[in-house]
Amino acid sequence: MKPHFDQNKIDSVKSLILSSKRIVITTHYKPDGDALGSSLGLWAYLKSLNIHADVVLPSEFPNFLKWMHGSSETIDFSKTPHEAAELINQADLLFCLDFNDPTRTEGMSDLLNKSTAKKIMIDHHLAPKDFCDYTFSFPSIGSTCELIVHFIEALDGISLITMDSAACLYAGIMTDTGSFRFSSVTAETHRVVGILLNTGMRNDFVHEAVYDTSSEDRLRFLGHVLLNNMFVLNDHKAVYFLCTKDDMKRFNHQSGDLEGIVNYGLSIDGIKMAVLFSERDGIIKISFRSKGDYSVKDLAEKHFEGGGHKNAAGGKSNLTLEETIQKFKTILKENNHA
């Protein structure tokens, strides 16, 4: 189903865009394909209107996304905090893409909360926080990139989507829908993809750029995790993976090297939930994935300070890796997850 953008809100947002002098686009910490793709897709659209905007990211993004048009012009808060803070403080319009809570920007959250700019949220996560002046939240849509196309369409700007920006948007749709295999994919999703393909964008190039550019170290790291750090809990129809800081150092870990590892667990016959535990930034980061009606959202929210979607969620733990694993197993046992 096509998301409904209230025309009165769209008219107001359009006026804001045309009247704003300093626009900033931002997204969540550790941007993935959907976060970066939606940010650059919107950035390119504004640029086509001869409107200047800056994309300010809370942190670095994976190397396999560096091909995206405009990625070299983004500002990384984690590397240049003063420049990023100045842009946010001076902004009169702030787009918040692919996140529903300022805390998801980590170190940038205070800047966003204190900003006096008009804020516009475009997102597909459940339970958005009330921190924006205009909120376009559609949890049933598979990606924020798809929402950006709908948003541009509501602004009568489809003809302004270029081949380069279409590739960014397609990448976000492709990655956030698991290469179009998740239940969030609809006929409307494919209509949007048709719009992007009609720009001349090559979907085969995007797929290769995202999935076929692994380093030798990354492949060896993947093999090590699958062979030595995969644990199957048949009684709970679950599997979990461990990525220790020592392993990541041994295999010269780069940003993005953990992407997709958790999904391998769901390829095992009978498995309904897969979890990846990784030692990063002094805490344990957790990625949850599941199939069908097996929800991981509540598990992440209730026990691991996280959240997300029914079949894809994230969380964290301040315990040690061993303690976190034990906590996870205890939760499964007490709640009879199977």
C-alpha atoms as a PDB file:
ATOM      1  CA  MET A   1       0.000   0.000   0.000  1.00  0.00           C
ATOM      2  CA  LYS A   2       1.226   3.483  -0.848  1.00  0.00           C
ATOM      3  CA  PRO A   3       1.911   5.610   2.256  1.00  0.00           C
ATOM      4  CA  HIS A   4      -0.315   8.633   2.638  1.00  0.00           C
ATOM      5  CA  PHE A   5       1.452  11.973   3.004  1.00  0.00           C
ATOM      6  CA  ASP A   6      -0.962  14.576   4.335  1.00  0.00           C
ATOM      7  CA  GLN A   7      -1.149  17.278   1.682  1.00  0.00           C
ATOM      8  CA  ASN A   8      -1.314  20.123   4.206  1.00  0.00           C
ATOM      9  CA  LYS A   9       1.879  18.883   5.838  1.00  0.00           C
ATOM     10  CA  ILE A  10       3.531  18.444   2.445  1.00  0.00           C
ATOM     11  CA  ASP A  11       2.621  22.010   1.454  1.00  0.00           C
ATOM     12  CA  SER A  12       4.057  23.325   4.722  1.00  0.00           C
ATOM     13  CA  VAL A  13       7.251  21.292   4.342  1.00  0.00           C
ATOM     14  CA  LYS A  14       7.649  22.442   0.753  1.00  0.00           C
ATOM     15  CA  SER A  15       7.443  26.069   1.913  1.00  0.00           C
ATOM     16  CA  LEU A  16      10.018  25.357   4.612  1.00  0.00           C
ATOM     17  CA  ILE A  17      12.402  23.795   2.116  1.00  0.00           C
ATOM     18  CA  LEU A  18      12.136  26.709  -0.296  1.00  0.00           C
ATOM     19  CA  SER A  19      12.535  29.331   2.421  1.00  0.00           C
ATOM     20  CA  SER A  20      15.337  27.708   4.432  1.00  0.00           C
ATOM     21  CA  LYS A  21      18.886  28.968   4.068  1.00  0.00           C
ATOM     22  CA  ARG A  22      20.696  26.266   6.008  1.00  0.00           C
ATOM     23  CA  ILE A  23      19.441  22.678   5.687  1.00  0.00           C
ATOM     24  CA  VAL A  24      21.046  19.692   7.388  1.00  0.00           C
ATOM     25  CA  ILE A  25      20.214  16.047   6.713  1.00  0.00           C
ATOM     26  CA  THR A  26      21.206  13.486   9.328  1.00  0.00           C
ATOM     27  CA  THR A  27      20.635   9.851  10.204  1.00  0.00           C
ATOM     28  CA  HIS A  28      21.475   7.253  12.832  1.00  0.00           C
ATOM     29  CA  TYR A  29      24.813   6.151  14.278  1.00  0.00           C
ATOM     30  CA  LYS A  30      26.739   3.688  12.110  1.00  0.00           C
ATOM     31  CA  PRO A  31      24.776   4.455   8.917  1.00  0.00           C
ATOM     32  CA  ASP A  32      23.808   1.453   6.821  1.00  0.00           C
ATOM     33  CA  GLY A  33      22.686   1.354   3.198  1.00  0.00           C
ATOM     34  CA  ASP A  34      19.217   2.678   3.959  1.00  0.00           C
ATOM     35  CA  ALA A  35      20.456   5.474   6.214  1.00  0.00           C
ATOM     36  CA  LEU A  36      23.137   6.730   3.844  1.00  0.00           C
ATOM     37  CA  GLY A  37      21.113   6.053   0.697  1.00  0.00           C
ATOM     38  CA  SER A  38      18.088   8.009   1.935  1.00  0.00           C
ATOM     39  CA  SER A  39      20.278  10.892   3.122  1.00  0.00           C
ATOM     40  CA  LEU A  40      22.122  11.183  -0.175  1.00  0.00           C
ATOM     41  CA  GLY A  41      18.946  10.638  -2.188  1.00  0.00           C
ATOM     42  CA  LEU A  42      17.260  13.568  -0.439  1.00  0.00           C
ATOM     43  CA  TRP A  43      20.467  15.631  -0.643  1.00  0.00           C
ATOM     44  CA  ALA A  44      20.605  15.118  -4.420  1.00  0.00           C
ATOM     45  CA  TYR A  45      16.945  16.084  -4.785  1.00  0.00           C
ATOM     46  CA  LEU A  46      17.499  19.337  -2.887  1.00  0.00           C
ATOM     47  CA  LYS A  47      20.596  19.982  -4.973  1.00  0.00           C
ATOM     48  CA  SER A  48      18.526  19.599  -8.150  1.00  0.00           C
ATOM     49  CA  LEU A  49      16.358  22.447  -6.828  1.00  0.00           C
ATOM     50  CA  ASN A  50      19.517  24.550  -6.391  1.00  0.00           C
ATOM     51  CA  ILE A  51      19.086  24.301  -2.635  1.00  0.00           C
ATOM     52  CA  HIS A  52      22.226  23.766  -0.583  1.00  0.00           C
ATOM     53  CA  ALA A  53      22.139  21.116   2.131  1.00  0.00           C
ATOM     54  CA  ASP A  54      24.737  19.327   4.231  1.00  0.00           C
ATOM     55  CA  VAL A  55      24.655  15.662   5.209  1.00  0.00           C
ATOM     56  CA  VAL A  56      25.968  15.278   8.761  1.00  0.00           C
ATOM     57  CA  LEU A  57      26.544  11.700   9.897  1.00  0.00           C
ATOM     58  CA  PRO A  58      27.052  10.660  13.533  1.00  0.00           C
ATOM     59  CA  SER A  59      29.844   8.272  12.558  1.00  0.00           C
ATOM     60  CA  GLU A  60      31.604   6.613   9.665  1.00  0.00           C
ATOM     61  CA  PHE A  61      29.819   4.375   7.166  1.00  0.00           C
ATOM     62  CA  PRO A  62      30.986   1.061   5.632  1.00  0.00           C
ATOM     63  CA  ASN A  63      33.566   1.063   2.858  1.00  0.00           C
ATOM     64  CA  PHE A  64      31.187  -0.797   0.533  1.00  0.00           C
ATOM     65  CA  LEU A  65      28.978   2.307   0.417  1.00  0.00           C
ATOM     66  CA  LYS A  66      31.688   4.765  -0.593  1.00  0.00           C
ATOM     67  CA  TRP A  67      30.657   4.508  -4.252  1.00  0.00           C
ATOM     68  CA  MET A  68      27.466   6.421  -3.494  1.00  0.00           C
ATOM     69  CA  HIS A  69      27.254   9.787  -5.226  1.00  0.00           C
ATOM     70  CA  GLY A  70      27.874  12.543  -2.678  1.00  0.00           C
ATOM     71  CA  SER A  71      29.303  10.268   0.022  1.00  0.00           C
ATOM     72  CA  SER A  72      32.651  12.084  -0.081  1.00  0.00           C
ATOM     73  CA  GLU A  73      30.895  15.355   0.763  1.00  0.00           C
ATOM     74  CA  THR A  74      29.306  14.108   3.997  1.00  0.00           C
ATOM     75  CA  ILE A  75      30.501  15.407   7.365  1.00  0.00           C
ATOM     76  CA  ASP A  76      31.397  12.805   9.994  1.00  0.00           C
ATOM     77  CA  PHE A  77      30.645  14.035  13.523  1.00  0.00           C
ATOM     78  CA  SER A  78      32.976  11.442  15.046  1.00  0.00           C
ATOM     79  CA  LYS A  79      35.910  12.853  13.061  1.00  0.00           C
ATOM     80  CA  THR A  80      35.065  16.567  12.824  1.00  0.00           C
ATOM     81  CA  PRO A  81      32.725  17.258  15.770  1.00  0.00           C
ATOM     82  CA  HIS A  82      33.173  21.039  15.733  1.00  0.00           C
ATOM     83  CA  GLU A  83      32.307  21.384  12.047  1.00  0.00           C
ATOM     84  CA  ALA A  84      29.314  19.071  12.423  1.00  0.00           C
ATOM     85  CA  ALA A  85      28.083  20.877  15.535  1.00  0.00           C
ATOM     86  CA  GLU A  86      28.371  24.258  13.840  1.00  0.00           C
ATOM     87  CA  LEU A  87      26.290  23.091  10.879  1.00  0.00           C
ATOM     88  CA  ILE A  88      23.577  21.668  13.142  1.00  0.00           C
ATOM     89  CA  ASN A  89      23.537  24.745  15.372  1.00  0.00           C
ATOM     90  CA  GLN A  90      23.188  27.069  12.382  1.00  0.00           C
ATOM     91  CA  ALA A  91      20.561  25.002  10.565  1.00  0.00           C
ATOM     92  CA  ASP A  92      17.054  26.354  10.186  1.00  0.00           C
ATOM     93  CA  LEU A  93      15.725  23.067   8.781  1.00  0.00           C
ATOM     94  CA  LEU A  94      16.796  19.615   9.920  1.00  0.00           C
ATOM     95  CA  PHE A  95      15.819  16.336   8.226  1.00  0.00           C
ATOM     96  CA  CYS A  96      15.992  13.289  10.510  1.00  0.00           C
ATOM     97  CA  LEU A  97      16.061  10.163   8.347  1.00  0.00           C
ATOM     98  CA  ASP A  98      15.836   6.485   9.269  1.00  0.00           C
ATOM     99  CA  PHE A  99      15.688   6.996  13.038  1.00  0.00           C
ATOM    100  CA  ASN A 100      12.852   7.579  15.477  1.00  0.00           C
ATOM    101  CA  ASP A 101      14.693   8.804  18.565  1.00  0.00           C
ATOM    102  CA  PRO A 102      17.596  11.295  18.963  1.00  0.00           C
ATOM    103  CA  THR A 103      19.442   8.760  21.110  1.00  0.00           C
ATOM    104  CA  ARG A 104      20.017   6.673  17.982  1.00  0.00           C
ATOM    105  CA  THR A 105      22.507   9.320  16.855  1.00  0.00           C
ATOM    106  CA  GLU A 106      24.601   8.597  19.968  1.00  0.00           C
ATOM    107  CA  GLY A 107      26.926  11.576  20.604  1.00  0.00           C
ATOM    108  CA  MET A 108      24.882  13.927  18.435  1.00  0.00           C
ATOM    109  CA  SER A 109      21.662  13.548  20.418  1.00  0.00           C
ATOM    110  CA  ASP A 110      22.185  16.639  22.600  1.00  0.00           C
ATOM    111  CA  LEU A 111      22.830  18.769  19.515  1.00  0.00           C
ATOM    112  CA  LEU A 112      19.595  17.589  17.929  1.00  0.00           C
ATOM    113  CA  ASN A 113      17.578  18.117  21.097  1.00  0.00           C
ATOM    114  CA  LYS A 114      18.920  21.641  21.555  1.00  0.00           C
ATOM    115  CA  SER A 115      18.602  22.642  17.912  1.00  0.00           C
ATOM    116  CA  THR A 116      16.057  25.399  17.262  1.00  0.00           C
ATOM    117  CA  ALA A 117      15.675  24.333  13.627  1.00  0.00           C
ATOM    118  CA  LYS A 118      12.406  23.021  12.288  1.00  0.00           C
ATOM    119  CA  LYS A 119      12.711  19.250  12.262  1.00  0.00           C
ATOM    120  CA  ILE A 120      11.242  16.761   9.809  1.00  0.00           C
ATOM    121  CA  MET A 121      11.316  13.026  10.472  1.00  0.00           C
ATOM    122  CA  ILE A 122      11.018  10.505   7.645  1.00  0.00           C
ATOM    123  CA  ASP A 123      11.299   7.010   9.058  1.00  0.00           C
ATOM    124  CA  HIS A 124       9.906   3.481   9.116  1.00  0.00           C
ATOM    125  CA  HIS A 125      10.632   2.379  12.691  1.00  0.00           C
ATOM    126  CA  LEU A 126       7.916   1.747  15.267  1.00  0.00           C
ATOM    127  CA  ALA A 127       6.984   4.155  18.066  1.00  0.00           C
ATOM    128  CA  PRO A 128       8.605   7.424  16.909  1.00  0.00           C
ATOM    129  CA  LYS A 129       9.499   9.904  19.648  1.00  0.00           C
ATOM    130  CA  ASP A 130       7.804  13.287  19.571  1.00  0.00           C
ATOM    131  CA  PHE A 131      10.828  15.463  18.823  1.00  0.00           C
ATOM    132  CA  CYS A 132      10.094  16.717  15.305  1.00  0.00           C
ATOM    133  CA  ASP A 133       7.769  19.410  13.987  1.00  0.00           C
ATOM    134  CA  TYR A 134       6.683  17.170  11.109  1.00  0.00           C
ATOM    135  CA  THR A 135       6.711  13.397  11.390  1.00  0.00           C
ATOM    136  CA  PHE A 136       6.265  11.088   8.412  1.00  0.00           C
ATOM    137  CA  SER A 137       6.449   7.668  10.025  1.00  0.00           C
ATOM    138  CA  PHE A 138       5.351   4.517   8.180  1.00  0.00           C
ATOM    139  CA  PRO A 139       6.485   1.313   9.961  1.00  0.00           C
ATOM    140  CA  SER A 140       4.843  -0.902   7.338  1.00  0.00           C
ATOM    141  CA  ILE A 141       7.228   0.365   4.647  1.00  0.00           C
ATOM    142  CA  GLY A 142      10.377  -1.701   4.198  1.00  0.00           C
ATOM    143  CA  SER A 143      12.917   1.112   3.975  1.00  0.00           C
ATOM    144  CA  THR A 144      13.382   4.836   4.445  1.00  0.00           C
ATOM    145  CA  CYS A 145      14.740   5.011   0.896  1.00  0.00           C
ATOM    146  CA  GLU A 146      11.364   3.886  -0.410  1.00  0.00           C
ATOM    147  CA  LEU A 147       9.763   6.593   1.734  1.00  0.00           C
ATOM    148  CA  ILE A 148      12.093   9.232   0.278  1.00  0.00           C
ATOM    149  CA  VAL A 149      10.862   8.354  -3.217  1.00  0.00           C
ATOM    150  CA  HIS A 150       7.264   8.683  -2.014  1.00  0.00           C
ATOM    151  CA  PHE A 151       8.162  11.973  -0.323  1.00  0.00           C
ATOM    152  CA  ILE A 152       9.747  13.365  -3.486  1.00  0.00           C
ATOM    153  CA  GLU A 153       6.737  12.151  -5.449  1.00  0.00           C
ATOM    154  CA  ALA A 154       4.414  14.002  -3.037  1.00  0.00           C
ATOM    155  CA  LEU A 155       6.491  17.132  -3.734  1.00  0.00           C
ATOM    156  CA  ASP A 156       6.021  16.575  -7.498  1.00  0.00           C
ATOM    157  CA  GLY A 157       9.740  16.018  -7.939  1.00  0.00           C
ATOM    158  CA  ILE A 158      10.029  12.522  -9.444  1.00  0.00           C
ATOM    159  CA  SER A 159      11.461  13.905 -12.697  1.00  0.00           C
ATOM    160  CA  LEU A 160      14.360  15.357 -10.682  1.00  0.00           C
ATOM    161  CA  ILE A 161      15.642  11.987  -9.459  1.00  0.00           C
ATOM    162  CA  THR A 162      18.891  11.397 -11.303  1.00  0.00           C
ATOM    163  CA  MET A 163      20.568   8.120 -12.188  1.00  0.00           C
ATOM    164  CA  ASP A 164      23.175   8.671  -9.449  1.00  0.00           C
ATOM    165  CA  SER A 165      20.662   9.432  -6.719  1.00  0.00           C
ATOM    166  CA  ALA A 166      18.448   6.557  -7.897  1.00  0.00           C
ATOM    167  CA  ALA A 167      21.343   4.171  -7.310  1.00  0.00           C
ATOM    168  CA  CYS A 168      21.684   5.412  -3.711  1.00  0.00           C
ATOM    169  CA  LEU A 169      17.970   4.978  -3.092  1.00  0.00           C
ATOM    170  CA  TYR A 170      17.870   1.556  -4.734  1.00  0.00           C
ATOM    171  CA  ALA A 171      20.768   0.392  -2.535  1.00  0.00           C
ATOM    172  CA  GLY A 172      18.841   1.317   0.598  1.00  0.00           C
ATOM    173  CA  ILE A 173      15.700  -0.472  -0.556  1.00  0.00           C
ATOM    174  CA  MET A 174      17.687  -3.531  -1.600  1.00  0.00           C
ATOM    175  CA  THR A 175      19.631  -3.861   1.658  1.00  0.00           C
ATOM    176  CA  ASP A 176      16.761  -3.119   4.054  1.00  0.00           C
ATOM    177  CA  THR A 177      14.473  -5.634   2.365  1.00  0.00           C
ATOM    178  CA  GLY A 178      17.073  -8.408   2.296  1.00  0.00           C
ATOM    179  CA  SER A 179      17.327  -8.169  -1.487  1.00  0.00           C
ATOM    180  CA  PHE A 180      13.518  -7.996  -1.729  1.00  0.00           C
ATOM    181  CA  ARG A 181      12.812 -11.168   0.247  1.00  0.00           C
ATOM    182  CA  PHE A 182      11.195  -9.697   3.385  1.00  0.00           C
ATOM    183  CA  SER A 183       7.421  -9.511   3.872  1.00  0.00           C
ATOM    184  CA  SER A 184       7.624  -5.689   3.848  1.00  0.00           C
ATOM    185  CA  VAL A 185       8.137  -5.835   0.066  1.00  0.00           C
ATOM    186  CA  THR A 186       4.918  -4.995  -1.776  1.00  0.00           C
ATOM    187  CA  ALA A 187       3.767  -4.211  -5.283  1.00  0.00           C
ATOM    188  CA  GLU A 188       4.255  -0.564  -4.339  1.00  0.00           C
ATOM    189  CA  THR A 189       7.896  -1.286  -3.502  1.00  0.00           C
ATOM    190  CA  HIS A 190       8.400  -2.658  -7.000  1.00  0.00           C
ATOM    191  CA  ARG A 191       6.638   0.357  -8.521  1.00  0.00           C
ATOM    192  CA  VAL A 192       9.125   2.603  -6.719  1.00  0.00           C
ATOM    193  CA  VAL A 193      12.004   0.441  -7.942  1.00  0.00           C
ATOM    194  CA  GLY A 194      10.592   0.840 -11.474  1.00  0.00           C
ATOM    195  CA  ILE A 195      10.786   4.614 -11.081  1.00  0.00           C
ATOM    196  CA  LEU A 196      14.438   4.323 -10.082  1.00  0.00           C
ATOM    197  CA  LEU A 197      15.277   1.914 -12.910  1.00  0.00           C
ATOM    198  CA  ASN A 198      13.711   4.286 -15.428  1.00  0.00           C
ATOM    199  CA  THR A 199      16.456   6.807 -14.661  1.00  0.00           C
ATOM    200  CA  GLY A 200      18.949   4.445 -16.291  1.00  0.00           C
ATOM    201  CA  MET A 201      20.304   3.250 -12.959  1.00  0.00           C
ATOM    202  CA  ARG A 202      21.839  -0.225 -13.176  1.00  0.00           C
ATOM    203  CA  ASN A 203      20.668  -2.539 -10.420  1.00  0.00           C
ATOM    204  CA  ASP A 204      23.422  -5.049 -11.236  1.00  0.00           C
ATOM    205  CA  PHE A 205      26.068  -2.397 -10.544  1.00  0.00           C
ATOM    206  CA  VAL A 206      24.504  -1.558  -7.175  1.00  0.00           C
ATOM    207  CA  HIS A 207      24.290  -5.213  -6.149  1.00  0.00           C
ATOM    208  CA  GLU A 208      27.927  -5.804  -7.090  1.00  0.00           C
ATOM    209  CA  ALA A 209      29.090  -2.622  -5.348  1.00  0.00           C
ATOM    210  CA  VAL A 210      27.344  -3.617  -2.110  1.00  0.00           C
ATOM    211  CA  TYR A 211      27.765  -7.387  -1.997  1.00  0.00           C
ATOM    212  CA  ASP A 212      30.767  -8.245  -4.170  1.00  0.00           C
ATOM    213  CA  THR A 213      33.492  -5.969  -2.818  1.00  0.00           C
ATOM    214  CA  SER A 214      34.619  -7.862   0.288  1.00  0.00           C
ATOM    215  CA  SER A 215      38.265  -7.780   1.255  1.00  0.00           C
ATOM    216  CA  GLU A 216      40.205 -11.010   1.688  1.00  0.00           C
ATOM    217  CA  ASP A 217      40.358 -10.315   5.435  1.00  0.00           C
ATOM    218  CA  ARG A 218      36.584  -9.933   5.604  1.00  0.00           C
ATOM    219  CA  LEU A 219      35.960 -13.284   3.903  1.00  0.00           C
ATOM    220  CA  ARG A 220      38.451 -15.031   6.190  1.00  0.00           C
ATOM    221  CA  PHE A 221      36.782 -13.357   9.174  1.00  0.00           C
ATOM    222  CA  LEU A 222      33.386 -14.598   7.995  1.00  0.00           C
ATOM    223  CA  GLY A 223      34.742 -18.127   7.602  1.00  0.00           C
ATOM    224  CA  HIS A 224      36.231 -17.997  11.101  1.00  0.00           C
ATOM    225  CA  VAL A 225      32.948 -16.845  12.649  1.00  0.00           C
ATOM    226  CA  LEU A 226      30.876 -19.486  10.837  1.00  0.00           C
ATOM    227  CA  LEU A 227      33.310 -22.284  11.706  1.00  0.00           C
ATOM    228  CA  ASN A 228      34.330 -21.412  15.240  1.00  0.00           C
ATOM    229  CA  ASN A 229      31.907 -18.864  16.657  1.00  0.00           C
ATOM    230  CA  MET A 230      28.468 -20.138  15.602  1.00  0.00           C
ATOM    231  CA  PHE A 231      26.341 -21.838  18.258  1.00  0.00           C
ATOM    232  CA  VAL A 232      23.025 -23.537  17.541  1.00  0.00           C
ATOM    233  CA  LEU A 233      20.329 -23.785  20.229  1.00  0.00           C
ATOM    234  CA  ASN A 234      17.987 -26.306  18.640  1.00  0.00           C
ATOM    235  CA  ASP A 235      15.625 -26.395  21.631  1.00  0.00           C
ATOM    236  CA  HIS A 236      14.907 -22.701  21.047  1.00  0.00           C
ATOM    237  CA  LYS A 237      15.166 -22.741  17.250  1.00  0.00           C
ATOM    238  CA  ALA A 238      17.895 -20.135  17.609  1.00  0.00           C
ATOM    239  CA  VAL A 239      21.508 -19.600  16.598  1.00  0.00           C
ATOM    240  CA  TYR A 240      24.000 -17.020  17.794  1.00  0.00           C
ATOM    241  CA  PHE A 241      27.363 -15.775  16.600  1.00  0.00           C
ATOM    242  CA  LEU A 242      30.253 -14.212  18.520  1.00  0.00           C
ATOM    243  CA  CYS A 243      32.573 -11.540  17.150  1.00  0.00           C
ATOM    244  CA  THR A 244      35.224 -10.796  19.756  1.00  0.00           C
ATOM    245  CA  LYS A 245      37.487  -7.764  19.758  1.00  0.00           C
ATOM    246  CA  ASP A 246      40.505 -10.080  19.425  1.00  0.00           C
ATOM    247  CA  ASP A 247      39.019 -11.730  16.337  1.00  0.00           C
ATOM    248  CA  MET A 248      38.249  -8.364  14.773  1.00  0.00           C
ATOM    249  CA  LYS A 249      41.800  -7.220  15.411  1.00  0.00           C
ATOM    250  CA  ARG A 250      43.208 -10.469  14.008  1.00  0.00           C
ATOM    251  CA  PHE A 251      41.266 -10.078  10.753  1.00  0.00           C
ATOM    252  CA  ASN A 252      41.829  -6.325  10.384  1.00  0.00           C
ATOM    253  CA  HIS A 253      38.181  -5.458  10.955  1.00  0.00           C
ATOM    254  CA  GLN A 254      36.812  -2.536   8.949  1.00  0.00           C
ATOM    255  CA  SER A 255      33.510  -0.699   9.281  1.00  0.00           C
ATOM    256  CA  GLY A 256      30.795  -2.790   7.653  1.00  0.00           C
ATOM    257  CA  ASP A 257      32.549  -6.150   7.989  1.00  0.00           C
ATOM    258  CA  LEU A 258      29.836  -7.426  10.336  1.00  0.00           C
ATOM    259  CA  GLU A 259      27.028  -6.596   7.912  1.00  0.00           C
ATOM    260  CA  GLY A 260      24.976  -9.622   6.945  1.00  0.00           C
ATOM    261  CA  ILE A 261      26.693 -12.185   9.183  1.00  0.00           C
ATOM    262  CA  VAL A 262      23.642 -12.620  11.409  1.00  0.00           C
ATOM    263  CA  ASN A 263      21.477 -13.505   8.402  1.00  0.00           C
ATOM    264  CA  TYR A 264      23.459 -16.701   7.785  1.00  0.00           C
ATOM    265  CA  GLY A 265      21.843 -18.188  10.878  1.00  0.00           C
ATOM    266  CA  LEU A 266      18.376 -17.961   9.363  1.00  0.00           C
ATOM    267  CA  SER A 267      19.494 -20.098   6.421  1.00  0.00           C
ATOM    268  CA  ILE A 268      19.673 -23.139   8.714  1.00  0.00           C
ATOM    269  CA  ASP A 269      16.593 -25.338   8.368  1.00  0.00           C
ATOM    270  CA  GLY A 270      14.311 -24.973  11.371  1.00  0.00           C
ATOM    271  CA  ILE A 271      15.990 -21.881  12.817  1.00  0.00           C
ATOM    272  CA  LYS A 272      13.629 -18.992  13.597  1.00  0.00           C
ATOM    273  CA  MET A 273      15.986 -16.523  15.289  1.00  0.00           C
ATOM    274  CA  ALA A 274      19.611 -15.509  14.743  1.00  0.00           C
ATOM    275  CA  VAL A 275      21.655 -13.208  16.965  1.00  0.00           C
ATOM    276  CA  LEU A 276      25.066 -11.604  16.545  1.00  0.00           C
ATOM    277  CA  PHE A 277      27.027 -10.478  19.617  1.00  0.00           C
ATOM    278  CA  SER A 278      30.024  -8.247  18.934  1.00  0.00           C
ATOM    279  CA  GLU A 279      32.497  -6.457  21.208  1.00  0.00           C
ATOM    280  CA  ARG A 280      32.591  -2.857  20.015  1.00  0.00           C
ATOM    281  CA  ASP A 281      33.257   0.532  21.560  1.00  0.00           C
ATOM    282  CA  GLY A 282      33.556  -0.940  25.050  1.00  0.00           C
ATOM    283  CA  ILE A 283      30.110  -2.563  25.031  1.00  0.00           C
ATOM    284  CA  ILE A 284      28.416  -5.585  23.493  1.00  0.00           C
ATOM    285  CA  LYS A 285      26.391  -4.706  20.386  1.00  0.00           C
ATOM    286  CA  ILE A 286      23.617  -7.125  19.496  1.00  0.00           C
ATOM    287  CA  SER A 287      21.820  -7.714  16.196  1.00  0.00           C
ATOM    288  CA  PHE A 288      18.623  -9.778  16.158  1.00  0.00           C
ATOM    289  CA  ARG A 289      16.945 -11.316  13.115  1.00  0.00           C
ATOM    290  CA  SER A 290      13.961 -13.639  12.875  1.00  0.00           C
ATOM    291  CA  LYS A 291      11.515 -15.290  10.513  1.00  0.00           C
ATOM    292  CA  GLY A 292       7.751 -15.022  10.154  1.00  0.00           C
ATOM    293  CA  ASP A 293       5.830 -14.490  13.395  1.00  0.00           C
ATOM    294  CA  TYR A 294       8.921 -14.955  15.566  1.00  0.00           C
ATOM    295  CA  SER A 295       9.372 -11.400  16.886  1.00  0.00           C
ATOM    296  CA  VAL A 296      12.673 -10.070  18.219  1.00  0.00           C
ATOM    297  CA  LYS A 297      11.556  -6.482  18.776  1.00  0.00           C
ATOM    298  CA  ASP A 298      10.201  -7.015  22.295  1.00  0.00           C
ATOM    299  CA  LEU A 299      13.235  -9.075  23.267  1.00  0.00           C
ATOM    300  CA  ALA A 300      15.576  -6.258  22.257  1.00  0.00           C
ATOM    301  CA  GLU A 301      13.479  -3.567  23.926  1.00  0.00           C
ATOM    302  CA  LYS A 302      12.791  -5.337  27.198  1.00  0.00           C
ATOM    303  CA  HIS A 303      16.177  -6.866  27.893  1.00  0.00           C
ATOM    304  CA  PHE A 304      18.859  -5.142  25.821  1.00  0.00           C
ATOM    305  CA  GLU A 305      18.094  -1.391  25.681  1.00  0.00           C
ATOM    306  CA  GLY A 306      17.174  -1.650  22.022  1.00  0.00           C
ATOM    307  CA  GLY A 307      14.350  -1.922  19.573  1.00  0.00           C
ATOM    308  CA  GLY A 308      13.568  -2.058  15.904  1.00  0.00           C
ATOM    309  CA  HIS A 309      11.202  -4.111  13.801  1.00  0.00           C
ATOM    310  CA  LYS A 310       9.400  -7.385  14.377  1.00  0.00           C
ATOM    311  CA  ASN A 311      11.997  -9.388  12.413  1.00  0.00           C
ATOM    312  CA  ALA A 312      15.026  -7.116  12.707  1.00  0.00           C
ATOM    313  CA  ALA A 313      16.143  -5.370  15.878  1.00  0.00           C
ATOM    314  CA  GLY A 314      19.231  -4.229  17.715  1.00  0.00           C
ATOM    315  CA  GLY A 315      20.373  -3.814  21.278  1.00  0.00           C
ATOM    316  CA  LYS A 316      23.371  -3.522  23.566  1.00  0.00           C
ATOM    317  CA  SER A 317      24.741  -4.783  26.851  1.00  0.00           C
ATOM    318  CA  ASN A 318      27.192  -3.326  29.352  1.00  0.00           C
ATOM    319  CA  LEU A 319      27.970  -6.776  30.706  1.00  0.00           C
ATOM    320  CA  THR A 320      30.924  -8.826  29.530  1.00  0.00           C
ATOM    321  CA  LEU A 321      30.479 -10.954  26.417  1.00  0.00           C
ATOM    322  CA  GLU A 322      30.232 -14.112  28.512  1.00  0.00           C
ATOM    323  CA  GLU A 323      27.704 -12.546  30.892  1.00  0.00           C
ATOM    324  CA  THR A 324      25.639 -11.239  27.980  1.00  0.00           C
ATOM    325  CA  ILE A 325      25.483 -14.686  26.384  1.00  0.00           C
ATOM    326  CA  GLN A 326      24.400 -16.213  29.681  1.00  0.00           C
ATOM    327  CA  LYS A 327      21.717 -13.553  30.101  1.00  0.00           C
ATOM    328  CA  PHE A 328      20.450 -14.278  26.585  1.00  0.00           C
ATOM    329  CA  LYS A 329      20.255 -18.017  27.232  1.00  0.00           C
ATOM    330  CA  THR A 330      18.462 -17.457  30.543  1.00  0.00           C
ATOM    331  CA  ILE A 331      15.886 -15.228  28.867  1.00  0.00           C
ATOM    332  CA  LEU A 332      15.221 -17.883  26.221  1.00  0.00           C
ATOM    333  CA  LYS A 333      14.792 -20.552  28.874  1.00  0.00           C
ATOM    334  CA  GLU A 334      12.544 -18.449  31.132  1.00  0.00           C
ATOM    335  CA  ASN A 335      10.340 -17.300  28.270  1.00  0.00           C
ATOM    336  CA  ASN A 336      10.266 -20.705  26.573  1.00  0.00           C
ATOM    337  CA  HIS A 337      11.280 -19.265  23.201  1.00  0.00           C
ATOM    338  CA  ALA A 338      10.844 -22.076  20.733  1.00  0.00           C
END
